[in-house]
Full PDB file with SEQRES, HELIX, SHEET, SSBOND, CRYST1, ORIGX, SCALE, CONECT and MASTER records, all heavy atoms in Angstrom:
SEQRES   1 A   42  LEU GLN GLY PHE CYS ALA GLY THR SER THR MET VAL LEU          
SEQRES   2 A   42  VAL GLY ALA SER SER LEU GLY GLY TYR PRO MET SER THR          
SEQRES   3 A   42  SER HIS VAL MET SER MET SER VAL LEU GLY ALA GLY VAL          
SEQRES   4 A   42  ALA VAL HIS                                                  
HELIX    1 AA1 GLN A    2  GLY A   20  1                                  19    
HELIX    2 AA2 THR A   26  VAL A   41  1                                  16    
CRYST1    1.000    1.000    1.000  90.00  90.00  90.00 P 1           1          
ORIGX1      1.000000  0.000000  0.000000        0.00000                         
ORIGX2      0.000000  1.000000  0.000000        0.00000                         
ORIGX3      0.000000  0.000000  1.000000        0.00000                         
SCALE1      1.000000  0.000000  0.000000        0.00000                         
SCALE2      0.000000  1.000000  0.000000        0.00000                         
SCALE3      0.000000  0.000000  1.000000        0.00000                         
ATOM      1  N   LEU A   1     -12.398  -4.849   5.751  1.00  0.00           N  
ATOM      2  CA  LEU A   1     -11.963  -5.463   4.495  1.00  0.00           C  
ATOM      3  C   LEU A   1     -10.978  -4.557   3.765  1.00  0.00           C  
ATOM      4  O   LEU A   1      -9.893  -4.996   3.371  1.00  0.00           O  
ATOM      5  CB  LEU A   1     -13.189  -5.753   3.616  1.00  0.00           C  
ATOM      6  CG  LEU A   1     -12.953  -6.478   2.292  1.00  0.00           C  
ATOM      7  CD1 LEU A   1     -14.160  -7.351   1.941  1.00  0.00           C  
ATOM      8  CD2 LEU A   1     -12.712  -5.492   1.143  1.00  0.00           C  
ATOM      9  N   GLN A   2     -11.351  -3.285   3.594  1.00  0.00           N  
ATOM     10  CA  GLN A   2     -10.464  -2.358   2.896  1.00  0.00           C  
ATOM     11  C   GLN A   2      -9.187  -2.102   3.690  1.00  0.00           C  
ATOM     12  O   GLN A   2      -8.109  -1.943   3.124  1.00  0.00           O  
ATOM     13  CB  GLN A   2     -11.179  -1.034   2.623  1.00  0.00           C  
ATOM     14  CG  GLN A   2     -12.330  -1.149   1.649  1.00  0.00           C  
ATOM     15  CD  GLN A   2     -13.651  -1.276   2.387  1.00  0.00           C  
ATOM     16  OE1 GLN A   2     -13.711  -1.796   3.490  1.00  0.00           O  
ATOM     17  NE2 GLN A   2     -14.716  -0.781   1.772  1.00  0.00           N  
ATOM     18  N   GLY A   3      -9.315  -2.072   5.030  1.00  0.00           N  
ATOM     19  CA  GLY A   3      -8.135  -1.850   5.859  1.00  0.00           C  
ATOM     20  C   GLY A   3      -7.111  -2.960   5.715  1.00  0.00           C  
ATOM     21  O   GLY A   3      -5.909  -2.703   5.600  1.00  0.00           O  
ATOM     22  N   PHE A   4      -7.570  -4.198   5.705  1.00  0.00           N  
ATOM     23  CA  PHE A   4      -6.653  -5.325   5.532  1.00  0.00           C  
ATOM     24  C   PHE A   4      -6.004  -5.299   4.153  1.00  0.00           C  
ATOM     25  O   PHE A   4      -4.797  -5.514   4.019  1.00  0.00           O  
ATOM     26  CB  PHE A   4      -7.406  -6.638   5.729  1.00  0.00           C  
ATOM     27  CG  PHE A   4      -6.620  -7.858   5.313  1.00  0.00           C  
ATOM     28  CD1 PHE A   4      -5.512  -8.272   6.046  1.00  0.00           C  
ATOM     29  CD2 PHE A   4      -6.961  -8.564   4.177  1.00  0.00           C  
ATOM     30  CE1 PHE A   4      -4.780  -9.383   5.654  1.00  0.00           C  
ATOM     31  CE2 PHE A   4      -6.234  -9.671   3.782  1.00  0.00           C  
ATOM     32  CZ  PHE A   4      -5.137 -10.080   4.522  1.00  0.00           C  
ATOM     33  N   CYS A   5      -6.804  -5.021   3.132  1.00  0.00           N  
ATOM     34  CA  CYS A   5      -6.267  -5.007   1.767  1.00  0.00           C  
ATOM     35  C   CYS A   5      -5.240  -3.890   1.583  1.00  0.00           C  
ATOM     36  O   CYS A   5      -4.172  -4.102   0.989  1.00  0.00           O  
ATOM     37  CB  CYS A   5      -7.404  -4.844   0.762  1.00  0.00           C  
ATOM     38  SG  CYS A   5      -8.546  -6.226   0.722  1.00  0.00           S  
ATOM     39  N   ALA A   6      -5.549  -2.699   2.112  1.00  0.00           N  
ATOM     40  CA  ALA A   6      -4.617  -1.580   1.984  1.00  0.00           C  
ATOM     41  C   ALA A   6      -3.339  -1.848   2.755  1.00  0.00           C  
ATOM     42  O   ALA A   6      -2.229  -1.558   2.276  1.00  0.00           O  
ATOM     43  CB  ALA A   6      -5.277  -0.297   2.479  1.00  0.00           C  
ATOM     44  N   GLY A   7      -3.463  -2.393   3.977  1.00  0.00           N  
ATOM     45  CA  GLY A   7      -2.269  -2.691   4.771  1.00  0.00           C  
ATOM     46  C   GLY A   7      -1.395  -3.748   4.126  1.00  0.00           C  
ATOM     47  O   GLY A   7      -0.163  -3.632   4.106  1.00  0.00           O  
ATOM     48  N   THR A   8      -2.021  -4.797   3.584  1.00  0.00           N  
ATOM     49  CA  THR A   8      -1.254  -5.857   2.925  1.00  0.00           C  
ATOM     50  C   THR A   8      -0.540  -5.330   1.684  1.00  0.00           C  
ATOM     51  O   THR A   8       0.641  -5.630   1.443  1.00  0.00           O  
ATOM     52  CB  THR A   8      -2.195  -7.020   2.533  1.00  0.00           C  
ATOM     53  OG1 THR A   8      -2.843  -7.517   3.709  1.00  0.00           O  
ATOM     54  CG2 THR A   8      -1.411  -8.141   1.871  1.00  0.00           C  
ATOM     55  N   SER A   9      -1.255  -4.539   0.889  1.00  0.00           N  
ATOM     56  CA  SER A   9      -0.649  -3.945  -0.305  1.00  0.00           C  
ATOM     57  C   SER A   9       0.550  -3.080   0.057  1.00  0.00           C  
ATOM     58  O   SER A   9       1.622  -3.177  -0.572  1.00  0.00           O  
ATOM     59  CB  SER A   9      -1.697  -3.118  -1.047  1.00  0.00           C  
ATOM     60  OG  SER A   9      -1.127  -2.396  -2.103  1.00  0.00           O  
ATOM     61  N   THR A  10       0.395  -2.245   1.079  1.00  0.00           N  
ATOM     62  CA  THR A  10       1.485  -1.355   1.494  1.00  0.00           C  
ATOM     63  C   THR A  10       2.667  -2.143   2.017  1.00  0.00           C  
ATOM     64  O   THR A  10       3.829  -1.834   1.710  1.00  0.00           O  
ATOM     65  CB  THR A  10       0.976  -0.381   2.569  1.00  0.00           C  
ATOM     66  OG1 THR A  10      -0.153   0.327   2.068  1.00  0.00           O  
ATOM     67  CG2 THR A  10       2.067   0.608   2.957  1.00  0.00           C  
ATOM     68  N   MET A  11       2.401  -3.164   2.828  1.00  0.00           N  
ATOM     69  CA  MET A  11       3.479  -3.983   3.388  1.00  0.00           C  
ATOM     70  C   MET A  11       4.314  -4.628   2.286  1.00  0.00           C  
ATOM     71  O   MET A  11       5.549  -4.597   2.320  1.00  0.00           O  
ATOM     72  CB  MET A  11       2.893  -5.060   4.299  1.00  0.00           C  
ATOM     73  CG  MET A  11       3.914  -6.036   4.868  1.00  0.00           C  
ATOM     74  SD  MET A  11       3.153  -7.265   5.961  1.00  0.00           S  
ATOM     75  CE  MET A  11       2.078  -8.128   4.803  1.00  0.00           C  
ATOM     76  N   VAL A  12       3.645  -5.191   1.285  1.00  0.00           N  
ATOM     77  CA  VAL A  12       4.354  -5.871   0.198  1.00  0.00           C  
ATOM     78  C   VAL A  12       5.182  -4.880  -0.623  1.00  0.00           C  
ATOM     79  O   VAL A  12       6.376  -5.121  -0.903  1.00  0.00           O  
ATOM     80  CB  VAL A  12       3.347  -6.616  -0.708  1.00  0.00           C  
ATOM     81  CG1 VAL A  12       4.040  -7.136  -1.963  1.00  0.00           C  
ATOM     82  CG2 VAL A  12       2.705  -7.766   0.053  1.00  0.00           C  
ATOM     83  N   LEU A  13       4.595  -3.762  -0.983  1.00  0.00           N  
ATOM     84  CA  LEU A  13       5.260  -2.829  -1.894  1.00  0.00           C  
ATOM     85  C   LEU A  13       6.387  -2.060  -1.218  1.00  0.00           C  
ATOM     86  O   LEU A  13       7.462  -1.884  -1.804  1.00  0.00           O  
ATOM     87  CB  LEU A  13       4.226  -1.864  -2.476  1.00  0.00           C  
ATOM     88  CG  LEU A  13       3.167  -2.514  -3.369  1.00  0.00           C  
ATOM     89  CD1 LEU A  13       2.123  -1.494  -3.807  1.00  0.00           C  
ATOM     90  CD2 LEU A  13       3.812  -3.167  -4.589  1.00  0.00           C  
ATOM     91  N   VAL A  14       6.169  -1.587   0.007  1.00  0.00           N  
ATOM     92  CA  VAL A  14       7.236  -0.867   0.711  1.00  0.00           C  
ATOM     93  C   VAL A  14       8.349  -1.827   1.108  1.00  0.00           C  
ATOM     94  O   VAL A  14       9.539  -1.475   1.051  1.00  0.00           O  
ATOM     95  CB  VAL A  14       6.676  -0.123   1.944  1.00  0.00           C  
ATOM     96  CG1 VAL A  14       7.806   0.560   2.716  1.00  0.00           C  
ATOM     97  CG2 VAL A  14       5.646   0.912   1.523  1.00  0.00           C  
ATOM     98  N   GLY A  15       7.990  -3.058   1.495  1.00  0.00           N  
ATOM     99  CA  GLY A  15       9.022  -4.051   1.807  1.00  0.00           C  
ATOM    100  C   GLY A  15       9.896  -4.364   0.609  1.00  0.00           C  
ATOM    101  O   GLY A  15      11.120  -4.447   0.722  1.00  0.00           O  
ATOM    102  N   ALA A  16       9.278  -4.528  -0.564  1.00  0.00           N  
ATOM    103  CA  ALA A  16      10.057  -4.784  -1.780  1.00  0.00           C  
ATOM    104  C   ALA A  16      10.952  -3.598  -2.111  1.00  0.00           C  
ATOM    105  O   ALA A  16      12.096  -3.772  -2.566  1.00  0.00           O  
ATOM    106  CB  ALA A  16       9.109  -5.081  -2.942  1.00  0.00           C  
ATOM    107  N   SER A  17      10.454  -2.376  -1.868  1.00  0.00           N  
ATOM    108  CA  SER A  17      11.264  -1.181  -2.120  1.00  0.00           C  
ATOM    109  C   SER A  17      12.486  -1.145  -1.220  1.00  0.00           C  
ATOM    110  O   SER A  17      13.600  -0.834  -1.666  1.00  0.00           O  
ATOM    111  CB  SER A  17      10.419   0.083  -1.909  1.00  0.00           C  
ATOM    112  OG  SER A  17       9.301   0.111  -2.758  1.00  0.00           O  
ATOM    113  N   SER A  18      12.310  -1.475   0.049  1.00  0.00           N  
ATOM    114  CA  SER A  18      13.429  -1.477   0.993  1.00  0.00           C  
ATOM    115  C   SER A  18      14.489  -2.493   0.592  1.00  0.00           C  
ATOM    116  O   SER A  18      15.688  -2.199   0.588  1.00  0.00           O  
ATOM    117  CB  SER A  18      12.927  -1.776   2.412  1.00  0.00           C  
ATOM    118  OG  SER A  18      12.091  -0.752   2.887  1.00  0.00           O  
ATOM    119  N   LEU A  19      14.045  -3.692   0.258  1.00  0.00           N  
ATOM    120  CA  LEU A  19      14.999  -4.738  -0.121  1.00  0.00           C  
ATOM    121  C   LEU A  19      15.710  -4.401  -1.429  1.00  0.00           C  
ATOM    122  O   LEU A  19      16.855  -4.801  -1.641  1.00  0.00           O  
ATOM    123  CB  LEU A  19      14.267  -6.077  -0.261  1.00  0.00           C  
ATOM    124  CG  LEU A  19      13.688  -6.651   1.047  1.00  0.00           C  
ATOM    125  CD1 LEU A  19      12.904  -7.929   0.765  1.00  0.00           C  
ATOM    126  CD2 LEU A  19      14.792  -6.918   2.061  1.00  0.00           C  
ATOM    127  N   GLY A  20      15.038  -3.637  -2.300  1.00  0.00           N  
ATOM    128  CA  GLY A  20      15.657  -3.232  -3.554  1.00  0.00           C  
ATOM    129  C   GLY A  20      16.524  -1.993  -3.448  1.00  0.00           C  
ATOM    130  O   GLY A  20      17.175  -1.606  -4.414  1.00  0.00           O  
ATOM    131  N   GLY A  21      16.532  -1.354  -2.265  1.00  0.00           N  
ATOM    132  CA  GLY A  21      17.360  -0.177  -2.056  1.00  0.00           C  
ATOM    133  C   GLY A  21      16.722   1.125  -2.486  1.00  0.00           C  
ATOM    134  O   GLY A  21      17.418   2.132  -2.642  1.00  0.00           O  
ATOM    135  N   TYR A  22      15.399   1.136  -2.662  1.00  0.00           N  
ATOM    136  CA  TYR A  22      14.715   2.348  -3.098  1.00  0.00           C  
ATOM    137  C   TYR A  22      13.985   2.991  -1.914  1.00  0.00           C  
ATOM    138  O   TYR A  22      13.158   2.333  -1.275  1.00  0.00           O  
ATOM    139  CB  TYR A  22      13.697   2.039  -4.193  1.00  0.00           C  
ATOM    140  CG  TYR A  22      14.321   1.701  -5.519  1.00  0.00           C  
ATOM    141  CD1 TYR A  22      14.614   0.389  -5.851  1.00  0.00           C  
ATOM    142  CD2 TYR A  22      14.634   2.706  -6.430  1.00  0.00           C  
ATOM    143  CE1 TYR A  22      15.196   0.071  -7.069  1.00  0.00           C  
ATOM    144  CE2 TYR A  22      15.208   2.404  -7.653  1.00  0.00           C  
ATOM    145  CZ  TYR A  22      15.488   1.082  -7.966  1.00  0.00           C  
ATOM    146  OH  TYR A  22      16.076   0.773  -9.169  1.00  0.00           O  
ATOM    147  N   PRO A  23      14.259   4.258  -1.627  1.00  0.00           N  
ATOM    148  CA  PRO A  23      13.466   4.956  -0.605  1.00  0.00           C  
ATOM    149  C   PRO A  23      12.031   5.097  -1.079  1.00  0.00           C  
ATOM    150  O   PRO A  23      11.780   5.395  -2.247  1.00  0.00           O  
ATOM    151  CB  PRO A  23      14.159   6.316  -0.472  1.00  0.00           C  
ATOM    152  CG  PRO A  23      14.890   6.510  -1.763  1.00  0.00           C  
ATOM    153  CD  PRO A  23      15.275   5.142  -2.233  1.00  0.00           C  
ATOM    154  N   MET A  24      11.076   4.883  -0.167  1.00  0.00           N  
ATOM    155  CA  MET A  24       9.663   4.897  -0.542  1.00  0.00           C  
ATOM    156  C   MET A  24       8.840   5.463   0.607  1.00  0.00           C  
ATOM    157  O   MET A  24       9.095   5.143   1.769  1.00  0.00           O  
ATOM    158  CB  MET A  24       9.193   3.479  -0.883  1.00  0.00           C  
ATOM    159  CG  MET A  24       7.743   3.369  -1.320  1.00  0.00           C  
ATOM    160  SD  MET A  24       7.341   4.393  -2.756  1.00  0.00           S  
ATOM    161  CE  MET A  24       8.523   3.772  -3.954  1.00  0.00           C  
ATOM    162  N   SER A  25       7.852   6.289   0.276  1.00  0.00           N  
ATOM    163  CA  SER A  25       6.978   6.874   1.286  1.00  0.00           C  
ATOM    164  C   SER A  25       5.816   5.939   1.581  1.00  0.00           C  
ATOM    165  O   SER A  25       5.016   5.630   0.692  1.00  0.00           O  
ATOM    166  CB  SER A  25       6.446   8.223   0.810  1.00  0.00           C  
ATOM    167  OG  SER A  25       5.491   8.713   1.726  1.00  0.00           O  
ATOM    168  N   THR A  26       5.714   5.501   2.836  1.00  0.00           N  
ATOM    169  CA  THR A  26       4.637   4.602   3.218  1.00  0.00           C  
ATOM    170  C   THR A  26       3.277   5.280   3.121  1.00  0.00           C  
ATOM    171  O   THR A  26       2.292   4.669   2.704  1.00  0.00           O  
ATOM    172  CB  THR A  26       4.867   4.090   4.655  1.00  0.00           C  
ATOM    173  OG1 THR A  26       6.167   3.507   4.734  1.00  0.00           O  
ATOM    174  CG2 THR A  26       3.829   3.047   5.035  1.00  0.00           C  
ATOM    175  N   SER A  27       3.194   6.558   3.510  1.00  0.00           N  
ATOM    176  CA  SER A  27       1.910   7.254   3.425  1.00  0.00           C  
ATOM    177  C   SER A  27       1.451   7.388   1.973  1.00  0.00           C  
ATOM    178  O   SER A  27       0.258   7.329   1.673  1.00  0.00           O  
ATOM    179  CB  SER A  27       2.013   8.645   4.063  1.00  0.00           C  
ATOM    180  OG  SER A  27       2.878   9.484   3.323  1.00  0.00           O  
ATOM    181  N   HIS A  28       2.417   7.559   1.073  1.00  0.00           N  
ATOM    182  CA  HIS A  28       2.136   7.628  -0.365  1.00  0.00           C  
ATOM    183  C   HIS A  28       1.451   6.346  -0.833  1.00  0.00           C  
ATOM    184  O   HIS A  28       0.389   6.369  -1.459  1.00  0.00           O  
ATOM    185  CB  HIS A  28       3.480   7.804  -1.078  1.00  0.00           C  
ATOM    186  CG  HIS A  28       3.371   8.364  -2.461  1.00  0.00           C  
ATOM    187  ND1 HIS A  28       4.465   8.904  -3.112  1.00  0.00           N  
ATOM    188  CD2 HIS A  28       2.352   8.458  -3.337  1.00  0.00           C  
ATOM    189  CE1 HIS A  28       4.101   9.312  -4.319  1.00  0.00           C  
ATOM    190  NE2 HIS A  28       2.826   9.049  -4.475  1.00  0.00           N  
ATOM    191  N   VAL A  29       2.070   5.213  -0.486  1.00  0.00           N  
ATOM    192  CA  VAL A  29       1.551   3.919  -0.931  1.00  0.00           C  
ATOM    193  C   VAL A  29       0.254   3.575  -0.199  1.00  0.00           C  
ATOM    194  O   VAL A  29      -0.697   3.068  -0.806  1.00  0.00           O  
ATOM    195  CB  VAL A  29       2.607   2.817  -0.720  1.00  0.00           C  
ATOM    196  CG1 VAL A  29       2.080   1.477  -1.194  1.00  0.00           C  
ATOM    197  CG2 VAL A  29       3.895   3.159  -1.465  1.00  0.00           C  
ATOM    198  N   MET A  30       0.203   3.852   1.113  1.00  0.00           N  
ATOM    199  CA  MET A  30      -0.996   3.528   1.886  1.00  0.00           C  
ATOM    200  C   MET A  30      -2.210   4.306   1.378  1.00  0.00           C  
ATOM    201  O   MET A  30      -3.307   3.747   1.237  1.00  0.00           O  
ATOM    202  CB  MET A  30      -0.760   3.822   3.366  1.00  0.00           C  
ATOM    203  CG  MET A  30      -1.990   3.602   4.261  1.00  0.00           C  
ATOM    204  SD  MET A  30      -2.552   1.883   4.307  1.00  0.00           S  
ATOM    205  CE  MET A  30      -1.468   1.232   5.590  1.00  0.00           C  
ATOM    206  N   SER A  31      -2.039   5.593   1.113  1.00  0.00           N  
ATOM    207  CA  SER A  31      -3.156   6.399   0.630  1.00  0.00           C  
ATOM    208  C   SER A  31      -3.711   5.845  -0.672  1.00  0.00           C  
ATOM    209  O   SER A  31      -4.934   5.731  -0.850  1.00  0.00           O  
ATOM    210  CB  SER A  31      -2.706   7.850   0.418  1.00  0.00           C  
ATOM    211  OG  SER A  31      -2.286   8.434   1.623  1.00  0.00           O  
ATOM    212  N   MET A  32      -2.824   5.494  -1.596  1.00  0.00           N  
ATOM    213  CA  MET A  32      -3.276   4.970  -2.882  1.00  0.00           C  
ATOM    214  C   MET A  32      -3.849   3.558  -2.750  1.00  0.00           C  
ATOM    215  O   MET A  32      -4.776   3.186  -3.488  1.00  0.00           O  
ATOM    216  CB  MET A  32      -2.123   4.976  -3.884  1.00  0.00           C  
ATOM    217  CG  MET A  32      -1.656   6.369  -4.273  1.00  0.00           C  
ATOM    218  SD  MET A  32      -2.941   7.368  -5.107  1.00  0.00           S  
ATOM    219  CE  MET A  32      -3.527   8.396  -3.746  1.00  0.00           C  
ATOM    220  N   SER A  33      -3.336   2.774  -1.807  1.00  0.00           N  
ATOM    221  CA  SER A  33      -3.900   1.440  -1.575  1.00  0.00           C  
ATOM    222  C   SER A  33      -5.303   1.536  -0.980  1.00  0.00           C  
ATOM    223  O   SER A  33      -6.199   0.759  -1.332  1.00  0.00           O  
ATOM    224  CB  SER A  33      -2.984   0.635  -0.647  1.00  0.00           C  
ATOM    225  OG  SER A  33      -1.715   0.418  -1.227  1.00  0.00           O  
ATOM    226  N   VAL A  34      -5.505   2.502  -0.062  1.00  0.00           N  
ATOM    227  CA  VAL A  34      -6.842   2.758   0.474  1.00  0.00           C  
ATOM    228  C   VAL A  34      -7.776   3.186  -0.655  1.00  0.00           C  
ATOM    229  O   VAL A  34      -8.940   2.752  -0.735  1.00  0.00           O  
ATOM    230  CB  VAL A  34      -6.790   3.835   1.578  1.00  0.00           C  
ATOM    231  CG1 VAL A  34      -8.194   4.338   1.914  1.00  0.00           C  
ATOM    232  CG2 VAL A  34      -6.122   3.285   2.827  1.00  0.00           C  
ATOM    233  N   LEU A  35      -7.279   4.032  -1.541  1.00  0.00           N  
ATOM    234  CA  LEU A  35      -8.075   4.477  -2.681  1.00  0.00           C  
ATOM    235  C   LEU A  35      -8.493   3.292  -3.542  1.00  0.00           C  
ATOM    236  O   LEU A  35      -9.663   3.156  -3.925  1.00  0.00           O  
ATOM    237  CB  LEU A  35      -7.275   5.479  -3.508  1.00  0.00           C  
ATOM    238  CG  LEU A  35      -7.910   5.961  -4.819  1.00  0.00           C  
ATOM    239  CD1 LEU A  35      -9.212   6.704  -4.533  1.00  0.00           C  
ATOM    240  CD2 LEU A  35      -6.947   6.845  -5.591  1.00  0.00           C  
ATOM    241  N   GLY A  36      -7.548   2.412  -3.867  1.00  0.00           N  
ATOM    242  CA  GLY A  36      -7.866   1.245  -4.692  1.00  0.00           C  
ATOM    243  C   GLY A  36      -8.870   0.318  -4.029  1.00  0.00           C  
ATOM    244  O   GLY A  36      -9.818  -0.152  -4.682  1.00  0.00           O  
ATOM    245  N   ALA A  37      -8.678   0.065  -2.720  1.00  0.00           N  
ATOM    246  CA  ALA A  37      -9.607  -0.805  -2.004  1.00  0.00           C  
ATOM    247  C   ALA A  37     -10.988  -0.168  -1.900  1.00  0.00           C  
ATOM    248  O   ALA A  37     -12.017  -0.860  -1.970  1.00  0.00           O  
ATOM    249  CB  ALA A  37      -9.057  -1.113  -0.609  1.00  0.00           C  
ATOM    250  N   GLY A  38     -11.039   1.155  -1.734  1.00  0.00           N  
ATOM    251  CA  GLY A  38     -12.320   1.848  -1.657  1.00  0.00           C  
ATOM    252  C   GLY A  38     -13.069   1.826  -2.978  1.00  0.00           C  
ATOM    253  O   GLY A  38     -14.276   1.579  -3.019  1.00  0.00           O  
ATOM    254  N   VAL A  39     -12.354   2.071  -4.066  1.00  0.00           N  
ATOM    255  CA  VAL A  39     -12.980   2.053  -5.396  1.00  0.00           C  
ATOM    256  C   VAL A  39     -13.532   0.665  -5.711  1.00  0.00           C  
ATOM    257  O   VAL A  39     -14.570   0.519  -6.370  1.00  0.00           O  
ATOM    258  CB  VAL A  39     -11.961   2.497  -6.467  1.00  0.00           C  
ATOM    259  CG1 VAL A  39     -12.493   2.235  -7.870  1.00  0.00           C  
ATOM    260  CG2 VAL A  39     -11.634   3.971  -6.299  1.00  0.00           C  
ATOM    261  N   ALA A  40     -12.856  -0.369  -5.223  1.00  0.00           N  
ATOM    262  CA  ALA A  40     -13.287  -1.738  -5.509  1.00  0.00           C  
ATOM    263  C   ALA A  40     -14.637  -2.056  -4.895  1.00  0.00           C  
ATOM    264  O   ALA A  40     -15.386  -2.891  -5.425  1.00  0.00           O  
ATOM    265  CB  ALA A  40     -12.241  -2.728  -4.987  1.00  0.00           C  
ATOM    266  N   VAL A  41     -14.992  -1.410  -3.776  1.00  0.00           N  
ATOM    267  CA  VAL A  41     -16.230  -1.740  -3.068  1.00  0.00           C  
ATOM    268  C   VAL A  41     -17.281  -0.638  -3.193  1.00  0.00           C  
ATOM    269  O   VAL A  41     -18.419  -0.888  -3.584  1.00  0.00           O  
ATOM    270  CB  VAL A  41     -15.922  -2.027  -1.579  1.00  0.00           C  
ATOM    271  CG1 VAL A  41     -17.203  -2.423  -0.847  1.00  0.00           C  
ATOM    272  CG2 VAL A  41     -14.889  -3.141  -1.448  1.00  0.00           C  
ATOM    273  N   HIS A  42     -16.903   0.597  -2.856  1.00  0.00           N  
ATOM    274  CA  HIS A  42     -17.853   1.710  -2.903  1.00  0.00           C  
ATOM    275  C   HIS A  42     -17.167   2.938  -3.524  1.00  0.00           C  
ATOM    276  O   HIS A  42     -16.767   3.857  -2.811  1.00  0.00           O  
ATOM    277  CB  HIS A  42     -18.366   2.057  -1.505  1.00  0.00           C  
ATOM    278  CG  HIS A  42     -19.126   0.948  -0.845  1.00  0.00           C  
ATOM    279  ND1 HIS A  42     -20.341   0.498  -1.310  1.00  0.00           N  
ATOM    280  CD2 HIS A  42     -18.832   0.194   0.249  1.00  0.00           C  
ATOM    281  CE1 HIS A  42     -20.774  -0.487  -0.533  1.00  0.00           C  
ATOM    282  NE2 HIS A  42     -19.884  -0.691   0.412  1.00  0.00           N  
TER     283      HIS A  42                                                      
MASTER        0    0    0    2    0    0    0    6  282    1    0    4          
END                                                                             
C-alpha cells in the first residue's frame, strides 16, 4: 500500500517538474513520499 502511494506521488511530482523545466531529485521526492505514506498508516 505504501509502496504504491509513494511511487504514484513521486511519478506525478517529478513528471510535473520535468514538464515545467525544473530539475528535481527523484530520491528526494521518493523518500519524503515514503515518509508521508508511512506516517499515514504506522
